[in-house]
Amino acid sequence: MSTATVTRADLAEAVYREIGLSRSESSELVESVIDHVCSALLRGETVKLAGFGTFSLRDKKERMGRNPKTGEEVPITSRRVLVFKPSQILRERVDSSLTTKK
């Protein structure tokens, strides 16, 4: 498995190559999409990208956890977490690419 990370710059470069916008326009487009997704999540909305997946926020209740080093019980405060659920199409594409590499 590759340890490479796809960055915003990589996405902007892909938009530049695929669509043909200028590099600065491509970068602005990527930033705009990311900003829109972040804004929607901050408003409590679910972001669904067809063929890719769904981003949503989930509230987790307070619970007791355990410090693995000492075994001491520690309260874990309630919090809101970001959840990503991949679409079936994305799952199938990833699964098929993994099976062909073996």
PDB file of N, CA and C in Angstrom:
ATOM      1  N   MET A   1       0.843  -1.176   0.000  1.00  0.00           N
ATOM      2  CA  MET A   1       0.000   0.000   0.000  1.00  0.00           C
ATOM      3  C   MET A   1       0.889   1.240   0.000  1.00  0.00           C
ATOM      4  N   SER A   2       0.502   2.239  -0.732  1.00  0.00           N
ATOM      5  CA  SER A   2       1.291   3.459  -0.867  1.00  0.00           C
ATOM      6  C   SER A   2       1.131   4.345   0.365  1.00  0.00           C
ATOM      7  N   THR A   3       2.193   5.043   0.709  1.00  0.00           N
ATOM      8  CA  THR A   3       2.134   5.967   1.842  1.00  0.00           C
ATOM      9  C   THR A   3       1.965   7.400   1.369  1.00  0.00           C
ATOM     10  N   ALA A   4       1.774   7.592   0.068  1.00  0.00           N
ATOM     11  CA  ALA A   4       1.609   8.940  -0.480  1.00  0.00           C
ATOM     12  C   ALA A   4       0.291   9.541  -0.001  1.00  0.00           C
ATOM     13  N   THR A   5       0.282  10.847   0.132  1.00  0.00           N
ATOM     14  CA  THR A   5      -0.907  11.575   0.553  1.00  0.00           C
ATOM     15  C   THR A   5      -1.321  12.527  -0.555  1.00  0.00           C
ATOM     16  N   VAL A   6      -2.615  12.568  -0.843  1.00  0.00           N
ATOM     17  CA  VAL A   6      -3.133  13.505  -1.838  1.00  0.00           C
ATOM     18  C   VAL A   6      -3.405  14.820  -1.116  1.00  0.00           C
ATOM     19  N   THR A   7      -2.809  15.882  -1.625  1.00  0.00           N
ATOM     20  CA  THR A   7      -2.942  17.195  -0.998  1.00  0.00           C
ATOM     21  C   THR A   7      -3.868  18.089  -1.824  1.00  0.00           C
ATOM     22  N   ARG A   8      -4.162  19.261  -1.277  1.00  0.00           N
ATOM     23  CA  ARG A   8      -4.959  20.242  -2.017  1.00  0.00           C
ATOM     24  C   ARG A   8      -4.260  20.618  -3.315  1.00  0.00           C
ATOM     25  N   ALA A   9      -2.941  20.742  -3.249  1.00  0.00           N
ATOM     26  CA  ALA A   9      -2.170  21.078  -4.450  1.00  0.00           C
ATOM     27  C   ALA A   9      -2.300  19.979  -5.504  1.00  0.00           C
ATOM     28  N   ASP A  10      -2.307  18.718  -5.069  1.00  0.00           N
ATOM     29  CA  ASP A  10      -2.495  17.600  -6.004  1.00  0.00           C
ATOM     30  C   ASP A  10      -3.866  17.670  -6.660  1.00  0.00           C
ATOM     31  N   LEU A  11      -4.884  17.985  -5.873  1.00  0.00           N
ATOM     32  CA  LEU A  11      -6.239  18.099  -6.432  1.00  0.00           C
ATOM     33  C   LEU A  11      -6.321  19.254  -7.422  1.00  0.00           C
ATOM     34  N   ALA A  12      -5.717  20.382  -7.076  1.00  0.00           N
ATOM     35  CA  ALA A  12      -5.722  21.540  -7.974  1.00  0.00           C
ATOM     36  C   ALA A  12      -4.985  21.207  -9.273  1.00  0.00           C
ATOM     37  N   GLU A  13      -3.884  20.483  -9.173  1.00  0.00           N
ATOM     38  CA  GLU A  13      -3.126  20.081 -10.364  1.00  0.00           C
ATOM     39  C   GLU A  13      -3.957  19.145 -11.248  1.00  0.00           C
ATOM     40  N   ALA A  14      -4.716  18.239 -10.612  1.00  0.00           N
ATOM     41  CA  ALA A  14      -5.585  17.332 -11.372  1.00  0.00           C
ATOM     42  C   ALA A  14      -6.681  18.109 -12.092  1.00  0.00           C
ATOM     43  N   VAL A  15      -7.261  19.097 -11.435  1.00  0.00           N
ATOM     44  CA  VAL A  15      -8.280  19.937 -12.075  1.00  0.00           C
ATOM     45  C   VAL A  15      -7.654  20.691 -13.245  1.00  0.00           C
ATOM     46  N   TYR A  16      -6.454  21.201 -13.053  1.00  0.00           N
ATOM     47  CA  TYR A  16      -5.734  21.919 -14.113  1.00  0.00           C
ATOM     48  C   TYR A  16      -5.539  21.015 -15.335  1.00  0.00           C
ATOM     49  N   ARG A  17      -5.088  19.781 -15.102  1.00  0.00           N
ATOM     50  CA  ARG A  17      -4.831  18.861 -16.211  1.00  0.00           C
ATOM     51  C   ARG A  17      -6.110  18.363 -16.870  1.00  0.00           C
ATOM     52  N   GLU A  18      -7.120  18.024 -16.069  1.00  0.00           N
ATOM     53  CA  GLU A  18      -8.344  17.408 -16.595  1.00  0.00           C
ATOM     54  C   GLU A  18      -9.286  18.419 -17.242  1.00  0.00           C
ATOM     55  N   ILE A  19      -9.446  19.571 -16.628  1.00  0.00           N
ATOM     56  CA  ILE A  19     -10.437  20.538 -17.092  1.00  0.00           C
ATOM     57  C   ILE A  19      -9.811  21.635 -17.927  1.00  0.00           C
ATOM     58  N   GLY A  20      -8.584  21.994 -17.610  1.00  0.00           N
ATOM     59  CA  GLY A  20      -7.903  23.010 -18.398  1.00  0.00           C
ATOM     60  C   GLY A  20      -8.027  24.420 -17.858  1.00  0.00           C
ATOM     61  N   LEU A  21      -8.512  24.559 -16.626  1.00  0.00           N
ATOM     62  CA  LEU A  21      -8.514  25.881 -16.006  1.00  0.00           C
ATOM     63  C   LEU A  21      -7.068  26.260 -15.709  1.00  0.00           C
ATOM     64  N   SER A  22      -6.833  27.535 -15.472  1.00  0.00           N
ATOM     65  CA  SER A  22      -5.481  27.950 -15.093  1.00  0.00           C
ATOM     66  C   SER A  22      -5.161  27.356 -13.729  1.00  0.00           C
ATOM     67  N   ARG A  23      -3.897  27.346 -13.377  1.00  0.00           N
ATOM     68  CA  ARG A  23      -3.499  26.777 -12.084  1.00  0.00           C
ATOM     69  C   ARG A  23      -4.137  27.542 -10.926  1.00  0.00           C
ATOM     70  N   SER A  24      -4.182  28.864 -11.038  1.00  0.00           N
ATOM     71  CA  SER A  24      -4.772  29.647  -9.946  1.00  0.00           C
ATOM     72  C   SER A  24      -6.281  29.417  -9.858  1.00  0.00           C
ATOM     73  N   GLU A  25      -6.950  29.323 -11.003  1.00  0.00           N
ATOM     74  CA  GLU A  25      -8.390  29.040 -10.998  1.00  0.00           C
ATOM     75  C   GLU A  25      -8.665  27.648 -10.445  1.00  0.00           C
ATOM     76  N   SER A  26      -7.816  26.695 -10.787  1.00  0.00           N
ATOM     77  CA  SER A  26      -7.974  25.336 -10.282  1.00  0.00           C
ATOM     78  C   SER A  26      -7.824  25.309  -8.767  1.00  0.00           C
ATOM     79  N   SER A  27      -6.836  26.032  -8.270  1.00  0.00           N
ATOM     80  CA  SER A  27      -6.617  26.101  -6.835  1.00  0.00           C
ATOM     81  C   SER A  27      -7.804  26.757  -6.136  1.00  0.00           C
ATOM     82  N   GLU A  28      -8.320  27.841  -6.710  1.00  0.00           N
ATOM     83  CA  GLU A  28      -9.482  28.530  -6.136  1.00  0.00           C
ATOM     84  C   GLU A  28     -10.707  27.620  -6.133  1.00  0.00           C
ATOM     85  N   LEU A  29     -10.879  26.823  -7.183  1.00  0.00           N
ATOM     86  CA  LEU A  29     -12.014  25.907  -7.263  1.00  0.00           C
ATOM     87  C   LEU A  29     -11.942  24.856  -6.161  1.00  0.00           C
ATOM     88  N   VAL A  30     -10.772  24.264  -5.980  1.00  0.00           N
ATOM     89  CA  VAL A  30     -10.598  23.252  -4.931  1.00  0.00           C
ATOM     90  C   VAL A  30     -10.862  23.873  -3.562  1.00  0.00           C
ATOM     91  N   GLU A  31     -10.302  25.051  -3.308  1.00  0.00           N
ATOM     92  CA  GLU A  31     -10.521  25.730  -2.025  1.00  0.00           C
ATOM     93  C   GLU A  31     -11.997  26.041  -1.817  1.00  0.00           C
ATOM     94  N   SER A  32     -12.681  26.461  -2.872  1.00  0.00           N
ATOM     95  CA  SER A  32     -14.098  26.794  -2.781  1.00  0.00           C
ATOM     96  C   SER A  32     -14.932  25.564  -2.417  1.00  0.00           C
ATOM     97  N   VAL A  33     -14.638  24.436  -3.039  1.00  0.00           N
ATOM     98  CA  VAL A  33     -15.372  23.198  -2.740  1.00  0.00           C
ATOM     99  C   VAL A  33     -15.139  22.796  -1.287  1.00  0.00           C
ATOM    100  N   ILE A  34     -13.892  22.829  -0.851  1.00  0.00           N
ATOM    101  CA  ILE A  34     -13.587  22.468   0.538  1.00  0.00           C
ATOM    102  C   ILE A  34     -14.276  23.423   1.510  1.00  0.00           C
ATOM    103  N   ASP A  35     -14.276  24.713   1.201  1.00  0.00           N
ATOM    104  CA  ASP A  35     -14.953  25.697   2.054  1.00  0.00           C
ATOM    105  C   ASP A  35     -16.452  25.434   2.129  1.00  0.00           C
ATOM    106  N   HIS A  36     -17.069  25.101   0.995  1.00  0.00           N
ATOM    107  CA  HIS A  36     -18.505  24.813   0.984  1.00  0.00           C
ATOM    108  C   HIS A  36     -18.822  23.573   1.829  1.00  0.00           C
ATOM    109  N   VAL A  37     -18.010  22.544   1.719  1.00  0.00           N
ATOM    110  CA  VAL A  37     -18.227  21.333   2.515  1.00  0.00           C
ATOM    111  C   VAL A  37     -18.086  21.663   3.995  1.00  0.00           C
ATOM    112  N   CYS A  38     -17.042  22.382   4.367  1.00  0.00           N
ATOM    113  CA  CYS A  38     -16.831  22.761   5.771  1.00  0.00           C
ATOM    114  C   CYS A  38     -17.974  23.616   6.311  1.00  0.00           C
ATOM    115  N   SER A  39     -18.410  24.581   5.525  1.00  0.00           N
ATOM    116  CA  SER A  39     -19.508  25.459   5.956  1.00  0.00           C
ATOM    117  C   SER A  39     -20.790  24.676   6.187  1.00  0.00           C
ATOM    118  N   ALA A  40     -21.090  23.759   5.286  1.00  0.00           N
ATOM    119  CA  ALA A  40     -22.306  22.952   5.428  1.00  0.00           C
ATOM    120  C   ALA A  40     -22.223  22.089   6.684  1.00  0.00           C
ATOM    121  N   LEU A  41     -21.074  21.499   6.948  1.00  0.00           N
ATOM    122  CA  LEU A  41     -20.914  20.677   8.146  1.00  0.00           C
ATOM    123  C   LEU A  41     -21.028  21.523   9.410  1.00  0.00           C
ATOM    124  N   LEU A  42     -20.474  22.726   9.395  1.00  0.00           N
ATOM    125  CA  LEU A  42     -20.584  23.611  10.554  1.00  0.00           C
ATOM    126  C   LEU A  42     -22.024  24.020  10.829  1.00  0.00           C
ATOM    127  N   ARG A  43     -22.844  24.093   9.770  1.00  0.00           N
ATOM    128  CA  ARG A  43     -24.274  24.402   9.940  1.00  0.00           C
ATOM    129  C   ARG A  43     -25.067  23.179  10.380  1.00  0.00           C
ATOM    130  N   GLY A  44     -24.389  22.032  10.505  1.00  0.00           N
ATOM    131  CA  GLY A  44     -25.065  20.813  10.941  1.00  0.00           C
ATOM    132  C   GLY A  44     -25.686  20.027   9.804  1.00  0.00           C
ATOM    133  N   GLU A  45     -25.374  20.384   8.575  1.00  0.00           N
ATOM    134  CA  GLU A  45     -25.938  19.687   7.422  1.00  0.00           C
ATOM    135  C   GLU A  45     -25.088  18.466   7.087  1.00  0.00           C
ATOM    136  N   THR A  46     -25.700  17.519   6.387  1.00  0.00           N
ATOM    137  CA  THR A  46     -24.997  16.358   5.871  1.00  0.00           C
ATOM    138  C   THR A  46     -24.568  16.674   4.451  1.00  0.00           C
ATOM    139  N   VAL A  47     -23.336  16.306   4.096  1.00  0.00           N
ATOM    140  CA  VAL A  47     -22.820  16.565   2.753  1.00  0.00           C
ATOM    141  C   VAL A  47     -22.741  15.230   2.021  1.00  0.00           C
ATOM    142  N   LYS A  48     -23.522  15.112   0.952  1.00  0.00           N
ATOM    143  CA  LYS A  48     -23.565  13.872   0.179  1.00  0.00           C
ATOM    144  C   LYS A  48     -23.001  14.135  -1.206  1.00  0.00           C
ATOM    145  N   LEU A  49     -21.926  13.435  -1.551  1.00  0.00           N
ATOM    146  CA  LEU A  49     -21.315  13.548  -2.867  1.00  0.00           C
ATOM    147  C   LEU A  49     -21.602  12.245  -3.605  1.00  0.00           C
ATOM    148  N   ALA A  50     -22.494  12.304  -4.582  1.00  0.00           N
ATOM    149  CA  ALA A  50     -22.933  11.109  -5.299  1.00  0.00           C
ATOM    150  C   ALA A  50     -21.734  10.373  -5.884  1.00  0.00           C
ATOM    151  N   GLY A  51     -21.691   9.078  -5.682  1.00  0.00           N
ATOM    152  CA  GLY A  51     -20.610   8.258  -6.200  1.00  0.00           C
ATOM    153  C   GLY A  51     -19.352   8.305  -5.363  1.00  0.00           C
ATOM    154  N   PHE A  52     -19.335   9.120  -4.312  1.00  0.00           N
ATOM    155  CA  PHE A  52     -18.150   9.231  -3.460  1.00  0.00           C
ATOM    156  C   PHE A  52     -18.483   8.836  -2.026  1.00  0.00           C
ATOM    157  N   GLY A  53     -19.419   9.565  -1.396  1.00  0.00           N
ATOM    158  CA  GLY A  53     -19.777   9.237  -0.027  1.00  0.00           C
ATOM    159  C   GLY A  53     -20.487  10.374   0.673  1.00  0.00           C
ATOM    160  N   THR A  54     -20.717  10.177   1.954  1.00  0.00           N
ATOM    161  CA  THR A  54     -21.469  11.132   2.764  1.00  0.00           C
ATOM    162  C   THR A  54     -20.657  11.529   3.994  1.00  0.00           C
ATOM    163  N   PHE A  55     -20.559  12.840   4.214  1.00  0.00           N
ATOM    164  CA  PHE A  55     -19.928  13.382   5.411  1.00  0.00           C
ATOM    165  C   PHE A  55     -21.050  13.850   6.336  1.00  0.00           C
ATOM    166  N   SER A  56     -20.958  13.491   7.605  1.00  0.00           N
ATOM    167  CA  SER A  56     -21.960  13.957   8.555  1.00  0.00           C
ATOM    168  C   SER A  56     -21.315  14.105   9.931  1.00  0.00           C
ATOM    169  N   LEU A  57     -22.016  14.797  10.806  1.00  0.00           N
ATOM    170  CA  LEU A  57     -21.560  14.970  12.183  1.00  0.00           C
ATOM    171  C   LEU A  57     -22.384  14.069  13.083  1.00  0.00           C
ATOM    172  N   ARG A  58     -21.728  13.473  14.051  1.00  0.00           N
ATOM    173  CA  ARG A  58     -22.410  12.587  14.983  1.00  0.00           C
ATOM    174  C   ARG A  58     -22.054  13.029  16.390  1.00  0.00           C
ATOM    175  N   ASP A  59     -23.067  13.122  17.244  1.00  0.00           N
ATOM    176  CA  ASP A  59     -22.839  13.473  18.641  1.00  0.00           C
ATOM    177  C   ASP A  59     -22.572  12.194  19.429  1.00  0.00           C
ATOM    178  N   LYS A  60     -21.498  12.201  20.192  1.00  0.00           N
ATOM    179  CA  LYS A  60     -21.168  11.057  21.037  1.00  0.00           C
ATOM    180  C   LYS A  60     -21.400  11.451  22.485  1.00  0.00           C
ATOM    181  N   LYS A  61     -21.984  10.547  23.241  1.00  0.00           N
ATOM    182  CA  LYS A  61     -22.271  10.798  24.647  1.00  0.00           C
ATOM    183  C   LYS A  61     -21.007  10.630  25.487  1.00  0.00           C
ATOM    184  N   GLU A  62     -21.086  11.202  26.699  1.00  0.00           N
ATOM    185  CA  GLU A  62     -19.988  11.015  27.644  1.00  0.00           C
ATOM    186  C   GLU A  62     -19.958   9.548  28.055  1.00  0.00           C
ATOM    187  N   ARG A  63     -18.746   9.021  28.233  1.00  0.00           N
ATOM    188  CA  ARG A  63     -18.613   7.620  28.635  1.00  0.00           C
ATOM    189  C   ARG A  63     -17.328   7.448  29.431  1.00  0.00           C
ATOM    190  N   MET A  64     -17.208   6.289  30.033  1.00  0.00           N
ATOM    191  CA  MET A  64     -16.000   5.971  30.786  1.00  0.00           C
ATOM    192  C   MET A  64     -15.032   5.234  29.871  1.00  0.00           C
ATOM    193  N   GLY A  65     -13.775   5.658  29.919  1.00  0.00           N
ATOM    194  CA  GLY A  65     -12.719   4.987  29.172  1.00  0.00           C
ATOM    195  C   GLY A  65     -11.669   4.506  30.143  1.00  0.00           C
ATOM    196  N   ARG A  66     -10.640   3.896  29.598  1.00  0.00           N
ATOM    197  CA  ARG A  66      -9.592   3.371  30.461  1.00  0.00           C
ATOM    198  C   ARG A  66      -8.237   3.778  29.894  1.00  0.00           C
ATOM    199  N   ASN A  67      -7.381   4.292  30.766  1.00  0.00           N
ATOM    200  CA  ASN A  67      -6.019   4.618  30.388  1.00  0.00           C
ATOM    201  C   ASN A  67      -5.286   3.290  30.169  1.00  0.00           C
ATOM    202  N   PRO A  68      -4.830   3.008  28.945  1.00  0.00           N
ATOM    203  CA  PRO A  68      -4.210   1.707  28.689  1.00  0.00           C
ATOM    204  C   PRO A  68      -2.899   1.492  29.442  1.00  0.00           C
ATOM    205  N   LYS A  69      -2.248   2.560  29.799  1.00  0.00           N
ATOM    206  CA  LYS A  69      -0.959   2.445  30.494  1.00  0.00           C
ATOM    207  C   LYS A  69      -1.142   2.093  31.970  1.00  0.00           C
ATOM    208  N   THR A  70      -2.102   2.775  32.611  1.00  0.00           N
ATOM    209  CA  THR A  70      -2.272   2.585  34.055  1.00  0.00           C
ATOM    210  C   THR A  70      -3.492   1.747  34.406  1.00  0.00           C
ATOM    211  N   GLY A  71      -4.426   1.593  33.474  1.00  0.00           N
ATOM    212  CA  GLY A  71      -5.654   0.859  33.757  1.00  0.00           C
ATOM    213  C   GLY A  71      -6.679   1.692  34.500  1.00  0.00           C
ATOM    214  N   GLU A  72      -6.348   2.948  34.783  1.00  0.00           N
ATOM    215  CA  GLU A  72      -7.243   3.836  35.516  1.00  0.00           C
ATOM    216  C   GLU A  72      -8.432   4.239  34.638  1.00  0.00           C
ATOM    217  N   GLU A  73      -9.632   4.238  35.229  1.00  0.00           N
ATOM    218  CA  GLU A  73     -10.818   4.677  34.490  1.00  0.00           C
ATOM    219  C   GLU A  73     -10.824   6.191  34.399  1.00  0.00           C
ATOM    220  N   VAL A  74     -11.137   6.702  33.201  1.00  0.00           N
ATOM    221  CA  VAL A  74     -11.120   8.133  32.943  1.00  0.00           C
ATOM    222  C   VAL A  74     -12.390   8.498  32.183  1.00  0.00           C
ATOM    223  N   PRO A  75     -13.078   9.570  32.597  1.00  0.00           N
ATOM    224  CA  PRO A  75     -14.277   9.967  31.840  1.00  0.00           C
ATOM    225  C   PRO A  75     -13.881  10.596  30.494  1.00  0.00           C
ATOM    226  N   ILE A  76     -14.580  10.202  29.450  1.00  0.00           N
ATOM    227  CA  ILE A  76     -14.393  10.790  28.121  1.00  0.00           C
ATOM    228  C   ILE A  76     -15.589  11.703  27.893  1.00  0.00           C
ATOM    229  N   THR A  77     -15.328  12.978  27.674  1.00  0.00           N
ATOM    230  CA  THR A  77     -16.405  13.961  27.560  1.00  0.00           C
ATOM    231  C   THR A  77     -17.205  13.755  26.276  1.00  0.00           C
ATOM    232  N   SER A  78     -18.434  14.257  26.299  1.00  0.00           N
ATOM    233  CA  SER A  78     -19.261  14.193  25.100  1.00  0.00           C
ATOM    234  C   SER A  78     -18.643  15.095  24.039  1.00  0.00           C
ATOM    235  N   ARG A  79     -18.820  14.725  22.790  1.00  0.00           N
ATOM    236  CA  ARG A  79     -18.214  15.494  21.709  1.00  0.00           C
ATOM    237  C   ARG A  79     -18.943  15.230  20.417  1.00  0.00           C
ATOM    238  N   ARG A  80     -18.611  16.017  19.436  1.00  0.00           N
ATOM    239  CA  ARG A  80     -19.175  15.868  18.102  1.00  0.00           C
ATOM    240  C   ARG A  80     -18.044  15.419  17.186  1.00  0.00           C
ATOM    241  N   VAL A  81     -18.289  14.355  16.404  1.00  0.00           N
ATOM    242  CA  VAL A  81     -17.246  13.819  15.536  1.00  0.00           C
ATOM    243  C   VAL A  81     -17.713  13.834  14.082  1.00  0.00           C
ATOM    244  N   LEU A  82     -16.762  13.959  13.193  1.00  0.00           N
ATOM    245  CA  LEU A  82     -17.027  13.914  11.765  1.00  0.00           C
ATOM    246  C   LEU A  82     -16.991  12.461  11.313  1.00  0.00           C
ATOM    247  N   VAL A  83     -18.003  12.054  10.559  1.00  0.00           N
ATOM    248  CA  VAL A  83     -18.106  10.681  10.091  1.00  0.00           C
ATOM    249  C   VAL A  83     -18.171  10.689   8.568  1.00  0.00           C
ATOM    250  N   PHE A  84     -17.431   9.779   7.929  1.00  0.00           N
ATOM    251  CA  PHE A  84     -17.494   9.621   6.478  1.00  0.00           C
ATOM    252  C   PHE A  84     -17.964   8.217   6.174  1.00  0.00           C
ATOM    253  N   LYS A  85     -18.999   8.115   5.347  1.00  0.00           N
ATOM    254  CA  LYS A  85     -19.493   6.816   4.906  1.00  0.00           C
ATOM    255  C   LYS A  85     -19.315   6.752   3.395  1.00  0.00           C
ATOM    256  N   PRO A  86     -18.420   5.887   2.914  1.00  0.00           N
ATOM    257  CA  PRO A  86     -18.191   5.813   1.468  1.00  0.00           C
ATOM    258  C   PRO A  86     -19.401   5.239   0.748  1.00  0.00           C
ATOM    259  N   SER A  87     -19.597   5.671  -0.498  1.00  0.00           N
ATOM    260  CA  SER A  87     -20.689   5.141  -1.295  1.00  0.00           C
ATOM    261  C   SER A  87     -20.344   3.726  -1.747  1.00  0.00           C
ATOM    262  N   GLN A  88     -21.344   2.998  -2.170  1.00  0.00           N
ATOM    263  CA  GLN A  88     -21.130   1.634  -2.657  1.00  0.00           C
ATOM    264  C   GLN A  88     -20.220   1.644  -3.885  1.00  0.00           C
ATOM    265  N   ILE A  89     -20.361   2.666  -4.732  1.00  0.00           N
ATOM    266  CA  ILE A  89     -19.524   2.783  -5.932  1.00  0.00           C
ATOM    267  C   ILE A  89     -18.055   2.930  -5.538  1.00  0.00           C
ATOM    268  N   LEU A  90     -17.773   3.792  -4.566  1.00  0.00           N
ATOM    269  CA  LEU A  90     -16.393   3.987  -4.108  1.00  0.00           C
ATOM    270  C   LEU A  90     -15.841   2.708  -3.499  1.00  0.00           C
ATOM    271  N   ARG A  91     -16.650   2.033  -2.687  1.00  0.00           N
ATOM    272  CA  ARG A  91     -16.213   0.775  -2.084  1.00  0.00           C
ATOM    273  C   ARG A  91     -15.844  -0.249  -3.143  1.00  0.00           C
ATOM    274  N   GLU A  92     -16.700  -0.375  -4.150  1.00  0.00           N
ATOM    275  CA  GLU A  92     -16.449  -1.358  -5.209  1.00  0.00           C
ATOM    276  C   GLU A  92     -15.186  -1.016  -5.990  1.00  0.00           C
ATOM    277  N   ARG A  93     -14.973   0.274  -6.282  1.00  0.00           N
ATOM    278  CA  ARG A  93     -13.771   0.676  -7.019  1.00  0.00           C
ATOM    279  C   ARG A  93     -12.508   0.384  -6.217  1.00  0.00           C
ATOM    280  N   VAL A  94     -12.541   0.687  -4.916  1.00  0.00           N
ATOM    281  CA  VAL A  94     -11.380   0.425  -4.073  1.00  0.00           C
ATOM    282  C   VAL A  94     -11.145  -1.078  -3.941  1.00  0.00           C
ATOM    283  N   ASP A  95     -12.215  -1.828  -3.692  1.00  0.00           N
ATOM    284  CA  ASP A  95     -12.088  -3.280  -3.554  1.00  0.00           C
ATOM    285  C   ASP A  95     -11.548  -3.923  -4.829  1.00  0.00           C
ATOM    286  N   SER A  96     -12.056  -3.484  -5.982  1.00  0.00           N
ATOM    287  CA  SER A  96     -11.605  -4.081  -7.240  1.00  0.00           C
ATOM    288  C   SER A  96     -10.148  -3.736  -7.531  1.00  0.00           C
ATOM    289  N   SER A  97      -9.719  -2.535  -7.156  1.00  0.00           N
ATOM    290  CA  SER A  97      -8.321  -2.183  -7.389  1.00  0.00           C
ATOM    291  C   SER A  97      -7.399  -2.952  -6.447  1.00  0.00           C
ATOM    292  N   LEU A  98      -7.867  -3.280  -5.252  1.00  0.00           N
ATOM    293  CA  LEU A  98      -7.047  -4.051  -4.321  1.00  0.00           C
ATOM    294  C   LEU A  98      -6.934  -5.502  -4.751  1.00  0.00           C
ATOM    295  N   THR A  99      -7.995  -6.064  -5.308  1.00  0.00           N
ATOM    296  CA  THR A  99      -7.957  -7.464  -5.717  1.00  0.00           C
ATOM    297  C   THR A  99      -7.120  -7.665  -6.975  1.00  0.00           C
ATOM    298  N   THR A 100      -7.039  -6.661  -7.859  1.00  0.00           N
ATOM    299  CA  THR A 100      -6.245  -6.807  -9.066  1.00  0.00           C
ATOM    300  C   THR A 100      -4.758  -6.644  -8.786  1.00  0.00           C
ATOM    301  N   LYS A 101      -4.376  -5.987  -7.676  1.00  0.00           N
ATOM    302  CA  LYS A 101      -2.973  -5.784  -7.338  1.00  0.00           C
ATOM    303  C   LYS A 101      -2.332  -7.006  -6.727  1.00  0.00           C
ATOM    304  N   LYS A 102      -3.136  -7.899  -6.167  1.00  0.00           N
ATOM    305  CA  LYS A 102      -2.586  -9.083  -5.475  1.00  0.00           C
ATOM    306  C   LYS A 102      -2.034 -10.087  -6.425  1.00  0.00           C
TER     307      LYS A 102
END
